[in-house]
């Protein structure tokens, strides 16, 4: 997989996680541990995308 394709895939995954976070927050009783895990995953992806831009 080329770097551009990898970056696109990461950006797509980041957007999916954002949608899942939005859905979790709109539930009557949000699962805070699930929210924390989704945020960690988003941050890891964001960091990887940032590293790709600097290399």
PDB file of N, CA and C in Angstrom:
ATOM      1  N   UNK A   1       0.848  -1.172   0.000  1.00  0.00           N
ATOM      2  CA  UNK A   1       0.000   0.000   0.000  1.00  0.00           C
ATOM      3  C   UNK A   1       0.895   1.236   0.000  1.00  0.00           C
ATOM      4  N   UNK A   2       0.622   2.149  -0.918  1.00  0.00           N
ATOM      5  CA  UNK A   2       1.397   3.375  -0.983  1.00  0.00           C
ATOM      6  C   UNK A   2       1.099   4.284   0.195  1.00  0.00           C
ATOM      7  N   UNK A   3       1.973   5.256   0.382  1.00  0.00           N
ATOM      8  CA  UNK A   3       1.811   6.159   1.529  1.00  0.00           C
ATOM      9  C   UNK A   3       0.519   6.961   1.420  1.00  0.00           C
ATOM     10  N   UNK A   4       0.161   7.411   0.207  1.00  0.00           N
ATOM     11  CA  UNK A   4      -1.080   8.167   0.046  1.00  0.00           C
ATOM     12  C   UNK A   4      -2.296   7.311   0.375  1.00  0.00           C
ATOM     13  N   UNK A   5      -2.280   6.064  -0.071  1.00  0.00           N
ATOM     14  CA  UNK A   5      -3.392   5.161   0.212  1.00  0.00           C
ATOM     15  C   UNK A   5      -3.483   4.885   1.708  1.00  0.00           C
ATOM     16  N   UNK A   6      -2.341   4.704   2.346  1.00  0.00           N
ATOM     17  CA  UNK A   6      -2.318   4.459   3.799  1.00  0.00           C
ATOM     18  C   UNK A   6      -2.881   5.673   4.546  1.00  0.00           C
ATOM     19  N   UNK A   7      -2.465   6.862   4.123  1.00  0.00           N
ATOM     20  CA  UNK A   7      -2.941   8.078   4.768  1.00  0.00           C
ATOM     21  C   UNK A   7      -4.452   8.234   4.579  1.00  0.00           C
ATOM     22  N   UNK A   8      -4.939   7.937   3.377  1.00  0.00           N
ATOM     23  CA  UNK A   8      -6.384   8.001   3.117  1.00  0.00           C
ATOM     24  C   UNK A   8      -7.142   7.016   3.996  1.00  0.00           C
ATOM     25  N   UNK A   9      -6.593   5.814   4.140  1.00  0.00           N
ATOM     26  CA  UNK A   9      -7.235   4.802   4.970  1.00  0.00           C
ATOM     27  C   UNK A   9      -7.272   5.244   6.436  1.00  0.00           C
ATOM     28  N   UNK A  10      -6.185   5.838   6.894  1.00  0.00           N
ATOM     29  CA  UNK A  10      -6.142   6.328   8.272  1.00  0.00           C
ATOM     30  C   UNK A  10      -7.147   7.459   8.485  1.00  0.00           C
ATOM     31  N   UNK A  11      -7.250   8.359   7.513  1.00  0.00           N
ATOM     32  CA  UNK A  11      -8.201   9.458   7.633  1.00  0.00           C
ATOM     33  C   UNK A  11      -9.632   8.937   7.638  1.00  0.00           C
ATOM     34  N   UNK A  12      -9.908   7.915   6.831  1.00  0.00           N
ATOM     35  CA  UNK A  12     -11.234   7.305   6.814  1.00  0.00           C
ATOM     36  C   UNK A  12     -11.537   6.665   8.163  1.00  0.00           C
ATOM     37  N   UNK A  13     -10.572   5.943   8.704  1.00  0.00           N
ATOM     38  CA  UNK A  13     -10.749   5.292  10.015  1.00  0.00           C
ATOM     39  C   UNK A  13     -10.964   6.342  11.108  1.00  0.00           C
ATOM     40  N   UNK A  14     -10.234   7.447  11.029  1.00  0.00           N
ATOM     41  CA  UNK A  14     -10.380   8.533  11.998  1.00  0.00           C
ATOM     42  C   UNK A  14     -11.808   9.083  11.954  1.00  0.00           C
ATOM     43  N   UNK A  15     -12.343   9.268  10.748  1.00  0.00           N
ATOM     44  CA  UNK A  15     -13.711   9.767  10.592  1.00  0.00           C
ATOM     45  C   UNK A  15     -14.726   8.764  11.131  1.00  0.00           C
ATOM     46  N   UNK A  16     -14.485   7.468  10.911  1.00  0.00           N
ATOM     47  CA  UNK A  16     -15.371   6.440  11.458  1.00  0.00           C
ATOM     48  C   UNK A  16     -15.398   6.495  12.987  1.00  0.00           C
ATOM     49  N   UNK A  17     -14.235   6.649  13.581  1.00  0.00           N
ATOM     50  CA  UNK A  17     -14.159   6.729  15.036  1.00  0.00           C
ATOM     51  C   UNK A  17     -14.890   7.965  15.544  1.00  0.00           C
ATOM     52  N   UNK A  18     -14.794   9.068  14.824  1.00  0.00           N
ATOM     53  CA  UNK A  18     -15.506  10.295  15.206  1.00  0.00           C
ATOM     54  C   UNK A  18     -17.020  10.056  15.184  1.00  0.00           C
ATOM     55  N   UNK A  19     -17.496   9.349  14.162  1.00  0.00           N
ATOM     56  CA  UNK A  19     -18.924   9.017  14.091  1.00  0.00           C
ATOM     57  C   UNK A  19     -19.348   8.131  15.265  1.00  0.00           C
ATOM     58  N   UNK A  20     -18.507   7.155  15.589  1.00  0.00           N
ATOM     59  CA  UNK A  20     -18.821   6.279  16.727  1.00  0.00           C
ATOM     60  C   UNK A  20     -18.854   7.061  18.030  1.00  0.00           C
ATOM     61  N   UNK A  21     -17.929   8.019  18.172  1.00  0.00           N
ATOM     62  CA  UNK A  21     -17.930   8.865  19.367  1.00  0.00           C
ATOM     63  C   UNK A  21     -19.214   9.688  19.449  1.00  0.00           C
ATOM     64  N   UNK A  22     -19.590  10.291  18.333  1.00  0.00           N
ATOM     65  CA  UNK A  22     -20.824  11.080  18.301  1.00  0.00           C
ATOM     66  C   UNK A  22     -22.022  10.222  18.700  1.00  0.00           C
ATOM     67  N   UNK A  23     -22.077   9.003  18.165  1.00  0.00           N
ATOM     68  CA  UNK A  23     -23.181   8.098  18.500  1.00  0.00           C
ATOM     69  C   UNK A  23     -23.179   7.748  19.982  1.00  0.00           C
ATOM     70  N   UNK A  24     -22.010   7.516  20.517  1.00  0.00           N
ATOM     71  CA  UNK A  24     -21.913   7.146  21.936  1.00  0.00           C
ATOM     72  C   UNK A  24     -22.366   8.309  22.825  1.00  0.00           C
ATOM     73  N   UNK A  25     -21.994   9.518  22.465  1.00  0.00           N
ATOM     74  CA  UNK A  25     -22.383  10.681  23.269  1.00  0.00           C
ATOM     75  C   UNK A  25     -23.884  10.945  23.228  1.00  0.00           C
ATOM     76  N   UNK A  26     -24.559  10.522  22.164  1.00  0.00           N
ATOM     77  CA  UNK A  26     -26.002  10.781  22.053  1.00  0.00           C
ATOM     78  C   UNK A  26     -26.843   9.705  22.729  1.00  0.00           C
ATOM     79  N   UNK A  27     -26.214   8.651  23.191  1.00  0.00           N
ATOM     80  CA  UNK A  27     -26.962   7.616  23.919  1.00  0.00           C
ATOM     81  C   UNK A  27     -27.451   8.189  25.239  1.00  0.00           C
ATOM     82  N   UNK A  28     -28.559   7.636  25.748  1.00  0.00           N
ATOM     83  CA  UNK A  28     -29.061   8.115  27.047  1.00  0.00           C
ATOM     84  C   UNK A  28     -28.051   7.954  28.182  1.00  0.00           C
ATOM     85  N   UNK A  29     -27.279   6.880  28.121  1.00  0.00           N
ATOM     86  CA  UNK A  29     -26.281   6.646  29.156  1.00  0.00           C
ATOM     87  C   UNK A  29     -24.960   6.255  28.483  1.00  0.00           C
ATOM     88  N   UNK A  30     -24.159   7.255  28.083  1.00  0.00           N
ATOM     89  CA  UNK A  30     -22.911   6.954  27.361  1.00  0.00           C
ATOM     90  C   UNK A  30     -21.954   6.102  28.185  1.00  0.00           C
ATOM     91  N   UNK A  31     -21.282   5.195  27.509  1.00  0.00           N
ATOM     92  CA  UNK A  31     -20.273   4.332  28.130  1.00  0.00           C
ATOM     93  C   UNK A  31     -18.947   5.092  28.120  1.00  0.00           C
ATOM     94  N   UNK A  32     -18.568   5.627  29.254  1.00  0.00           N
ATOM     95  CA  UNK A  32     -17.372   6.470  29.329  1.00  0.00           C
ATOM     96  C   UNK A  32     -16.088   5.689  29.028  1.00  0.00           C
ATOM     97  N   UNK A  33     -16.043   4.410  29.359  1.00  0.00           N
ATOM     98  CA  UNK A  33     -14.843   3.630  29.036  1.00  0.00           C
ATOM     99  C   UNK A  33     -14.739   3.418  27.527  1.00  0.00           C
ATOM    100  N   UNK A  34     -15.853   3.230  26.853  1.00  0.00           N
ATOM    101  CA  UNK A  34     -15.844   3.103  25.394  1.00  0.00           C
ATOM    102  C   UNK A  34     -15.422   4.424  24.759  1.00  0.00           C
ATOM    103  N   UNK A  35     -15.901   5.522  25.303  1.00  0.00           N
ATOM    104  CA  UNK A  35     -15.533   6.853  24.804  1.00  0.00           C
ATOM    105  C   UNK A  35     -14.035   7.069  24.956  1.00  0.00           C
ATOM    106  N   UNK A  36     -13.500   6.714  26.100  1.00  0.00           N
ATOM    107  CA  UNK A  36     -12.061   6.881  26.335  1.00  0.00           C
ATOM    108  C   UNK A  36     -11.247   6.050  25.347  1.00  0.00           C
ATOM    109  N   UNK A  37     -11.674   4.823  25.089  1.00  0.00           N
ATOM    110  CA  UNK A  37     -10.954   3.962  24.147  1.00  0.00           C
ATOM    111  C   UNK A  37     -11.031   4.515  22.725  1.00  0.00           C
ATOM    112  N   UNK A  38     -12.191   4.991  22.319  1.00  0.00           N
ATOM    113  CA  UNK A  38     -12.335   5.579  20.989  1.00  0.00           C
ATOM    114  C   UNK A  38     -11.434   6.804  20.834  1.00  0.00           C
ATOM    115  N   UNK A  39     -11.365   7.611  21.883  1.00  0.00           N
ATOM    116  CA  UNK A  39     -10.504   8.799  21.842  1.00  0.00           C
ATOM    117  C   UNK A  39      -9.031   8.405  21.741  1.00  0.00           C
ATOM    118  N   UNK A  40      -8.629   7.347  22.454  1.00  0.00           N
ATOM    119  CA  UNK A  40      -7.249   6.870  22.367  1.00  0.00           C
ATOM    120  C   UNK A  40      -6.920   6.401  20.953  1.00  0.00           C
ATOM    121  N   UNK A  41      -7.856   5.663  20.344  1.00  0.00           N
ATOM    122  CA  UNK A  41      -7.649   5.179  18.981  1.00  0.00           C
ATOM    123  C   UNK A  41      -7.527   6.350  18.002  1.00  0.00           C
ATOM    124  N   UNK A  42      -8.397   7.343  18.162  1.00  0.00           N
ATOM    125  CA  UNK A  42      -8.339   8.519  17.298  1.00  0.00           C
ATOM    126  C   UNK A  42      -6.997   9.233  17.436  1.00  0.00           C
ATOM    127  N   UNK A  43      -6.521   9.371  18.652  1.00  0.00           N
ATOM    128  CA  UNK A  43      -5.256  10.053  18.888  1.00  0.00           C
ATOM    129  C   UNK A  43      -4.089   9.293  18.262  1.00  0.00           C
ATOM    130  N   UNK A  44      -4.094   7.958  18.388  1.00  0.00           N
ATOM    131  CA  UNK A  44      -3.035   7.161  17.768  1.00  0.00           C
ATOM    132  C   UNK A  44      -3.017   7.365  16.251  1.00  0.00           C
ATOM    133  N   UNK A  45      -4.211   7.378  15.660  1.00  0.00           N
ATOM    134  CA  UNK A  45      -4.304   7.566  14.212  1.00  0.00           C
ATOM    135  C   UNK A  45      -3.842   8.971  13.836  1.00  0.00           C
ATOM    136  N   UNK A  46      -4.280   9.959  14.590  1.00  0.00           N
ATOM    137  CA  UNK A  46      -3.877  11.344  14.321  1.00  0.00           C
ATOM    138  C   UNK A  46      -2.360  11.483  14.393  1.00  0.00           C
ATOM    139  N   UNK A  47      -1.747  10.873  15.397  1.00  0.00           N
ATOM    140  CA  UNK A  47      -0.289  10.920  15.534  1.00  0.00           C
ATOM    141  C   UNK A  47       0.404  10.244  14.352  1.00  0.00           C
ATOM    142  N   UNK A  48      -0.146   9.114  13.909  1.00  0.00           N
ATOM    143  CA  UNK A  48       0.462   8.412  12.776  1.00  0.00           C
ATOM    144  C   UNK A  48       0.351   9.252  11.503  1.00  0.00           C
ATOM    145  N   UNK A  49      -0.792   9.881  11.290  1.00  0.00           N
ATOM    146  CA  UNK A  49      -0.957  10.754  10.127  1.00  0.00           C
ATOM    147  C   UNK A  49       0.043  11.915  10.196  1.00  0.00           C
ATOM    148  N   UNK A  50       0.222  12.485  11.374  1.00  0.00           N
ATOM    149  CA  UNK A  50       1.165  13.589  11.539  1.00  0.00           C
ATOM    150  C   UNK A  50       2.589  13.142  11.239  1.00  0.00           C
ATOM    151  N   UNK A  51       2.961  11.954  11.702  1.00  0.00           N
ATOM    152  CA  UNK A  51       4.306  11.428  11.424  1.00  0.00           C
ATOM    153  C   UNK A  51       4.515  11.216   9.925  1.00  0.00           C
ATOM    154  N   UNK A  52       3.480  10.809   9.230  1.00  0.00           N
ATOM    155  CA  UNK A  52       3.586  10.588   7.786  1.00  0.00           C
ATOM    156  C   UNK A  52       3.851  11.906   7.064  1.00  0.00           C
ATOM    157  N   UNK A  53       3.307  12.981   7.587  1.00  0.00           N
ATOM    158  CA  UNK A  53       3.496  14.281   6.961  1.00  0.00           C
ATOM    159  C   UNK A  53       4.887  14.840   7.152  1.00  0.00           C
ATOM    160  N   UNK A  54       5.568  14.414   8.205  1.00  0.00           N
ATOM    161  CA  UNK A  54       6.903  14.953   8.501  1.00  0.00           C
ATOM    162  C   UNK A  54       8.017  14.089   7.940  1.00  0.00           C
ATOM    163  N   UNK A  55       7.687  12.900   7.464  1.00  0.00           N
ATOM    164  CA  UNK A  55       8.754  12.030   6.945  1.00  0.00           C
ATOM    165  C   UNK A  55       8.936  12.163   5.465  1.00  0.00           C
TER     166      UNK A  55
END
